[in-house]
Amino acid sequence: ALESARLYRETQQRAERERLVTDITTKIRSTTDPEQMLKTAVEELKLALNANQAHFVIPQAESETKETT
């Protein structure tokens, strides 16, 4: 009985994670603008993880960060 309860709980948790991933993916795909996709992904993951803040940093290539004269 304990094993059945554990398996049921794990199945429910897996189903909830899959639903959440599907919901987030749908929201991300609702736009074709890459910047908006990233903003949506960060915001949705922040909510899903119950975080106060979330940030996404895109590192620039070294040639882009060097100052040119």
PDB file of N, CA and C in Angstrom:
ATOM      1  N   ALA A   1       0.822  -1.197   0.000  1.00  0.00           N
ATOM      2  CA  ALA A   1       0.000   0.000   0.000  1.00  0.00           C
ATOM      3  C   ALA A   1       0.865   1.260   0.000  1.00  0.00           C
ATOM      4  N   LEU A   2       1.955   1.235   0.775  1.00  0.00           N
ATOM      5  CA  LEU A   2       2.841   2.402   0.807  1.00  0.00           C
ATOM      6  C   LEU A   2       3.511   2.624  -0.542  1.00  0.00           C
ATOM      7  N   GLU A   3       3.902   1.531  -1.182  1.00  0.00           N
ATOM      8  CA  GLU A   3       4.536   1.633  -2.498  1.00  0.00           C
ATOM      9  C   GLU A   3       3.557   2.208  -3.519  1.00  0.00           C
ATOM     10  N   SER A   4       2.317   1.770  -3.472  1.00  0.00           N
ATOM     11  CA  SER A   4       1.296   2.290  -4.389  1.00  0.00           C
ATOM     12  C   SER A   4       1.075   3.780  -4.164  1.00  0.00           C
ATOM     13  N   ALA A   5       1.042   4.197  -2.923  1.00  0.00           N
ATOM     14  CA  ALA A   5       0.851   5.614  -2.607  1.00  0.00           C
ATOM     15  C   ALA A   5       2.032   6.436  -3.114  1.00  0.00           C
ATOM     16  N   ARG A   6       3.232   5.913  -2.951  1.00  0.00           N
ATOM     17  CA  ARG A   6       4.431   6.619  -3.422  1.00  0.00           C
ATOM     18  C   ARG A   6       4.408   6.740  -4.944  1.00  0.00           C
ATOM     19  N   LEU A   7       4.087   5.653  -5.626  1.00  0.00           N
ATOM     20  CA  LEU A   7       4.029   5.677  -7.086  1.00  0.00           C
ATOM     21  C   LEU A   7       2.949   6.637  -7.584  1.00  0.00           C
ATOM     22  N   TYR A   8       1.822   6.654  -6.914  1.00  0.00           N
ATOM     23  CA  TYR A   8       0.744   7.570  -7.283  1.00  0.00           C
ATOM     24  C   TYR A   8       1.205   9.021  -7.129  1.00  0.00           C
ATOM     25  N   ARG A   9       1.841   9.329  -5.999  1.00  0.00           N
ATOM     26  CA  ARG A   9       2.334  10.685  -5.742  1.00  0.00           C
ATOM     27  C   ARG A   9       3.363  11.093  -6.800  1.00  0.00           C
ATOM     28  N   GLU A  10       4.282  10.200  -7.127  1.00  0.00           N
ATOM     29  CA  GLU A  10       5.290  10.504  -8.141  1.00  0.00           C
ATOM     30  C   GLU A  10       4.653  10.732  -9.507  1.00  0.00           C
ATOM     31  N   THR A  11       3.649   9.948  -9.827  1.00  0.00           N
ATOM     32  CA  THR A  11       2.947  10.104 -11.103  1.00  0.00           C
ATOM     33  C   THR A  11       2.232  11.447 -11.159  1.00  0.00           C
ATOM     34  N   GLN A  12       1.608  11.836 -10.065  1.00  0.00           N
ATOM     35  CA  GLN A  12       0.921  13.130 -10.002  1.00  0.00           C
ATOM     36  C   GLN A  12       1.918  14.279 -10.151  1.00  0.00           C
ATOM     37  N   GLN A  13       3.057  14.177  -9.494  1.00  0.00           N
ATOM     38  CA  GLN A  13       4.081  15.219  -9.584  1.00  0.00           C
ATOM     39  C   GLN A  13       4.626  15.324 -11.004  1.00  0.00           C
ATOM     40  N   ARG A  14       4.859  14.188 -11.630  1.00  0.00           N
ATOM     41  CA  ARG A  14       5.361  14.174 -13.006  1.00  0.00           C
ATOM     42  C   ARG A  14       4.338  14.809 -13.949  1.00  0.00           C
ATOM     43  N   ALA A  15       3.077  14.475 -13.768  1.00  0.00           N
ATOM     44  CA  ALA A  15       2.019  15.040 -14.610  1.00  0.00           C
ATOM     45  C   ALA A  15       1.943  16.557 -14.434  1.00  0.00           C
ATOM     46  N   GLU A  16       2.086  17.034 -13.215  1.00  0.00           N
ATOM     47  CA  GLU A  16       2.053  18.477 -12.956  1.00  0.00           C
ATOM     48  C   GLU A  16       3.244  19.170 -13.610  1.00  0.00           C
ATOM     49  N   ARG A  17       4.429  18.574 -13.524  1.00  0.00           N
ATOM     50  CA  ARG A  17       5.613  19.156 -14.180  1.00  0.00           C
ATOM     51  C   ARG A  17       5.416  19.218 -15.691  1.00  0.00           C
ATOM     52  N   GLU A  18       4.896  18.155 -16.266  1.00  0.00           N
ATOM     53  CA  GLU A  18       4.672  18.123 -17.712  1.00  0.00           C
ATOM     54  C   GLU A  18       3.645  19.173 -18.133  1.00  0.00           C
ATOM     55  N   ARG A  19       2.600  19.354 -17.332  1.00  0.00           N
ATOM     56  CA  ARG A  19       1.599  20.379 -17.630  1.00  0.00           C
ATOM     57  C   ARG A  19       2.230  21.767 -17.578  1.00  0.00           C
ATOM     58  N   LEU A  20       3.056  21.988 -16.580  1.00  0.00           N
ATOM     59  CA  LEU A  20       3.726  23.275 -16.424  1.00  0.00           C
ATOM     60  C   LEU A  20       4.657  23.551 -17.604  1.00  0.00           C
ATOM     61  N   VAL A  21       5.421  22.555 -18.009  1.00  0.00           N
ATOM     62  CA  VAL A  21       6.328  22.716 -19.154  1.00  0.00           C
ATOM     63  C   VAL A  21       5.532  23.021 -20.419  1.00  0.00           C
ATOM     64  N   THR A  22       4.427  22.333 -20.608  1.00  0.00           N
ATOM     65  CA  THR A  22       3.581  22.580 -21.782  1.00  0.00           C
ATOM     66  C   THR A  22       3.021  23.996 -21.761  1.00  0.00           C
ATOM     67  N   ASP A  23       2.557  24.447 -20.611  1.00  0.00           N
ATOM     68  CA  ASP A  23       2.016  25.805 -20.488  1.00  0.00           C
ATOM     69  C   ASP A  23       3.081  26.859 -20.800  1.00  0.00           C
ATOM     70  N   ILE A  24       4.262  26.684 -20.236  1.00  0.00           N
ATOM     71  CA  ILE A  24       5.342  27.648 -20.461  1.00  0.00           C
ATOM     72  C   ILE A  24       5.755  27.641 -21.929  1.00  0.00           C
ATOM     73  N   THR A  25       5.884  26.466 -22.508  1.00  0.00           N
ATOM     74  CA  THR A  25       6.264  26.351 -23.920  1.00  0.00           C
ATOM     75  C   THR A  25       5.240  27.035 -24.815  1.00  0.00           C
ATOM     76  N   THR A  26       3.971  26.853 -24.524  1.00  0.00           N
ATOM     77  CA  THR A  26       2.910  27.492 -25.309  1.00  0.00           C
ATOM     78  C   THR A  26       3.026  29.007 -25.239  1.00  0.00           C
ATOM     79  N   LYS A  27       3.286  29.533 -24.058  1.00  0.00           N
ATOM     80  CA  LYS A  27       3.426  30.984 -23.905  1.00  0.00           C
ATOM     81  C   LYS A  27       4.654  31.504 -24.648  1.00  0.00           C
ATOM     82  N   ILE A  28       5.750  30.770 -24.583  1.00  0.00           N
ATOM     83  CA  ILE A  28       6.970  31.191 -25.284  1.00  0.00           C
ATOM     84  C   ILE A  28       6.735  31.197 -26.787  1.00  0.00           C
ATOM     85  N   ARG A  29       6.036  30.199 -27.285  1.00  0.00           N
ATOM     86  CA  ARG A  29       5.795  30.080 -28.727  1.00  0.00           C
ATOM     87  C   ARG A  29       4.709  31.023 -29.240  1.00  0.00           C
ATOM     88  N   SER A  30       4.097  31.786 -28.357  1.00  0.00           N
ATOM     89  CA  SER A  30       3.021  32.680 -28.787  1.00  0.00           C
ATOM     90  C   SER A  30       3.551  33.923 -29.504  1.00  0.00           C
ATOM     91  N   THR A  31       4.854  34.074 -29.562  1.00  0.00           N
ATOM     92  CA  THR A  31       5.454  35.204 -30.262  1.00  0.00           C
ATOM     93  C   THR A  31       6.595  34.711 -31.142  1.00  0.00           C
ATOM     94  N   THR A  32       6.927  35.510 -32.133  1.00  0.00           N
ATOM     95  CA  THR A  32       8.078  35.185 -32.981  1.00  0.00           C
ATOM     96  C   THR A  32       9.259  36.095 -32.674  1.00  0.00           C
ATOM     97  N   ASP A  33       9.064  37.010 -31.743  1.00  0.00           N
ATOM     98  CA  ASP A  33      10.116  37.946 -31.357  1.00  0.00           C
ATOM     99  C   ASP A  33      11.041  37.283 -30.334  1.00  0.00           C
ATOM    100  N   PRO A  34      12.308  37.058 -30.695  1.00  0.00           N
ATOM    101  CA  PRO A  34      13.231  36.369 -29.778  1.00  0.00           C
ATOM    102  C   PRO A  34      13.365  37.052 -28.416  1.00  0.00           C
ATOM    103  N   GLU A  35      13.375  38.369 -28.395  1.00  0.00           N
ATOM    104  CA  GLU A  35      13.499  39.083 -27.118  1.00  0.00           C
ATOM    105  C   GLU A  35      12.280  38.824 -26.234  1.00  0.00           C
ATOM    106  N   GLN A  36      11.103  38.851 -26.836  1.00  0.00           N
ATOM    107  CA  GLN A  36       9.884  38.582 -26.070  1.00  0.00           C
ATOM    108  C   GLN A  36       9.849  37.130 -25.597  1.00  0.00           C
ATOM    109  N   MET A  37      10.361  36.222 -26.416  1.00  0.00           N
ATOM    110  CA  MET A  37      10.436  34.812 -26.011  1.00  0.00           C
ATOM    111  C   MET A  37      11.270  34.660 -24.742  1.00  0.00           C
ATOM    112  N   LEU A  38      12.419  35.325 -24.716  1.00  0.00           N
ATOM    113  CA  LEU A  38      13.286  35.251 -23.538  1.00  0.00           C
ATOM    114  C   LEU A  38      12.622  35.877 -22.319  1.00  0.00           C
ATOM    115  N   LYS A  39      11.980  37.020 -22.513  1.00  0.00           N
ATOM    116  CA  LYS A  39      11.293  37.673 -21.395  1.00  0.00           C
ATOM    117  C   LYS A  39      10.195  36.768 -20.837  1.00  0.00           C
ATOM    118  N   THR A  40       9.439  36.154 -21.728  1.00  0.00           N
ATOM    119  CA  THR A  40       8.370  35.252 -21.299  1.00  0.00           C
ATOM    120  C   THR A  40       8.947  34.050 -20.559  1.00  0.00           C
ATOM    121  N   ALA A  41      10.010  33.472 -21.099  1.00  0.00           N
ATOM    122  CA  ALA A  41      10.631  32.307 -20.459  1.00  0.00           C
ATOM    123  C   ALA A  41      11.096  32.646 -19.049  1.00  0.00           C
ATOM    124  N   VAL A  42      11.766  33.774 -18.906  1.00  0.00           N
ATOM    125  CA  VAL A  42      12.279  34.170 -17.591  1.00  0.00           C
ATOM    126  C   VAL A  42      11.130  34.415 -16.620  1.00  0.00           C
ATOM    127  N   GLU A  43      10.120  35.134 -17.062  1.00  0.00           N
ATOM    128  CA  GLU A  43       8.990  35.445 -16.182  1.00  0.00           C
ATOM    129  C   GLU A  43       8.241  34.171 -15.764  1.00  0.00           C
ATOM    130  N   GLU A  44       7.995  33.296 -16.712  1.00  0.00           N
ATOM    131  CA  GLU A  44       7.261  32.066 -16.405  1.00  0.00           C
ATOM    132  C   GLU A  44       8.065  31.141 -15.494  1.00  0.00           C
ATOM    133  N   LEU A  45       9.358  31.046 -15.725  1.00  0.00           N
ATOM    134  CA  LEU A  45      10.197  30.218 -14.853  1.00  0.00           C
ATOM    135  C   LEU A  45      10.278  30.817 -13.454  1.00  0.00           C
ATOM    136  N   LYS A  46      10.327  32.137 -13.378  1.00  0.00           N
ATOM    137  CA  LYS A  46      10.327  32.804 -12.069  1.00  0.00           C
ATOM    138  C   LYS A  46       9.064  32.430 -11.299  1.00  0.00           C
ATOM    139  N   LEU A  47       7.926  32.488 -11.976  1.00  0.00           N
ATOM    140  CA  LEU A  47       6.663  32.133 -11.329  1.00  0.00           C
ATOM    141  C   LEU A  47       6.634  30.649 -10.941  1.00  0.00           C
ATOM    142  N   ALA A  48       7.075  29.797 -11.851  1.00  0.00           N
ATOM    143  CA  ALA A  48       7.039  28.353 -11.600  1.00  0.00           C
ATOM    144  C   ALA A  48       7.935  27.958 -10.428  1.00  0.00           C
ATOM    145  N   LEU A  49       9.045  28.670 -10.280  1.00  0.00           N
ATOM    146  CA  LEU A  49       9.985  28.362  -9.205  1.00  0.00           C
ATOM    147  C   LEU A  49       9.699  29.157  -7.936  1.00  0.00           C
ATOM    148  N   ASN A  50       8.654  29.988  -8.004  1.00  0.00           N
ATOM    149  CA  ASN A  50       8.270  30.818  -6.863  1.00  0.00           C
ATOM    150  C   ASN A  50       9.441  31.684  -6.393  1.00  0.00           C
ATOM    151  N   ALA A  51      10.139  32.258  -7.378  1.00  0.00           N
ATOM    152  CA  ALA A  51      11.303  33.092  -7.083  1.00  0.00           C
ATOM    153  C   ALA A  51      10.895  34.563  -7.066  1.00  0.00           C
ATOM    154  N   ASN A  52      11.623  35.352  -6.307  1.00  0.00           N
ATOM    155  CA  ASN A  52      11.369  36.794  -6.261  1.00  0.00           C
ATOM    156  C   ASN A  52      11.920  37.498  -7.485  1.00  0.00           C
ATOM    157  N   GLN A  53      13.035  36.997  -7.988  1.00  0.00           N
ATOM    158  CA  GLN A  53      13.689  37.610  -9.140  1.00  0.00           C
ATOM    159  C   GLN A  53      14.206  36.524 -10.063  1.00  0.00           C
ATOM    160  N   ALA A  54      14.336  36.892 -11.322  1.00  0.00           N
ATOM    161  CA  ALA A  54      14.961  36.006 -12.304  1.00  0.00           C
ATOM    162  C   ALA A  54      15.611  36.887 -13.362  1.00  0.00           C
ATOM    163  N   HIS A  55      16.763  36.478 -13.816  1.00  0.00           N
ATOM    164  CA  HIS A  55      17.498  37.248 -14.816  1.00  0.00           C
ATOM    165  C   HIS A  55      18.043  36.304 -15.871  1.00  0.00           C
ATOM    166  N   PHE A  56      18.196  36.834 -17.056  1.00  0.00           N
ATOM    167  CA  PHE A  56      18.788  36.080 -18.151  1.00  0.00           C
ATOM    168  C   PHE A  56      19.879  36.957 -18.730  1.00  0.00           C
ATOM    169  N   VAL A  57      21.085  36.449 -18.748  1.00  0.00           N
ATOM    170  CA  VAL A  57      22.218  37.221 -19.241  1.00  0.00           C
ATOM    171  C   VAL A  57      22.755  36.541 -20.487  1.00  0.00           C
ATOM    172  N   ILE A  58      22.900  37.323 -21.532  1.00  0.00           N
ATOM    173  CA  ILE A  58      23.489  36.810 -22.762  1.00  0.00           C
ATOM    174  C   ILE A  58      24.910  37.355 -22.841  1.00  0.00           C
ATOM    175  N   PRO A  59      25.887  36.479 -22.659  1.00  0.00           N
ATOM    176  CA  PRO A  59      27.267  36.964 -22.735  1.00  0.00           C
ATOM    177  C   PRO A  59      27.590  37.404 -24.162  1.00  0.00           C
ATOM    178  N   GLN A  60      28.309  38.477 -24.252  1.00  0.00           N
ATOM    179  CA  GLN A  60      28.700  38.973 -25.564  1.00  0.00           C
ATOM    180  C   GLN A  60      30.059  38.402 -25.929  1.00  0.00           C
ATOM    181  N   ALA A  61      30.272  38.262 -27.219  1.00  0.00           N
ATOM    182  CA  ALA A  61      31.574  37.799 -27.687  1.00  0.00           C
ATOM    183  C   ALA A  61      32.626  38.829 -27.297  1.00  0.00           C
ATOM    184  N   GLU A  62      33.841  38.382 -27.090  1.00  0.00           N
ATOM    185  CA  GLU A  62      34.906  39.280 -26.648  1.00  0.00           C
ATOM    186  C   GLU A  62      35.069  40.463 -27.593  1.00  0.00           C
ATOM    187  N   SER A  63      34.942  40.227 -28.883  1.00  0.00           N
ATOM    188  CA  SER A  63      35.104  41.312 -29.853  1.00  0.00           C
ATOM    189  C   SER A  63      34.014  42.365 -29.709  1.00  0.00           C
ATOM    190  N   GLU A  64      32.849  41.986 -29.203  1.00  0.00           N
ATOM    191  CA  GLU A  64      31.754  42.934 -29.029  1.00  0.00           C
ATOM    192  C   GLU A  64      31.907  43.760 -27.761  1.00  0.00           C
ATOM    193  N   THR A  65      32.643  43.245 -26.791  1.00  0.00           N
ATOM    194  CA  THR A  65      32.773  43.961 -25.530  1.00  0.00           C
ATOM    195  C   THR A  65      33.989  44.871 -25.500  1.00  0.00           C
ATOM    196  N   LYS A  66      34.912  44.667 -26.409  1.00  0.00           N
ATOM    197  CA  LYS A  66      36.090  45.530 -26.454  1.00  0.00           C
ATOM    198  C   LYS A  66      35.709  46.899 -26.985  1.00  0.00           C
ATOM    199  N   GLU A  67      36.331  47.883 -26.407  1.00  0.00           N
ATOM    200  CA  GLU A  67      36.096  49.241 -26.860  1.00  0.00           C
ATOM    201  C   GLU A  67      36.933  49.488 -28.106  1.00  0.00           C
ATOM    202  N   THR A  68      36.311  50.054 -29.103  1.00  0.00           N
ATOM    203  CA  THR A  68      37.050  50.344 -30.333  1.00  0.00           C
ATOM    204  C   THR A  68      37.368  51.824 -30.388  1.00  0.00           C
ATOM    205  N   THR A  69      38.508  52.140 -30.997  1.00  0.00           N
ATOM    206  CA  THR A  69      38.900  53.554 -31.120  1.00  0.00           C
ATOM    207  C   THR A  69      39.049  53.934 -32.557  1.00  0.00           C
TER     208      THR A  69
END
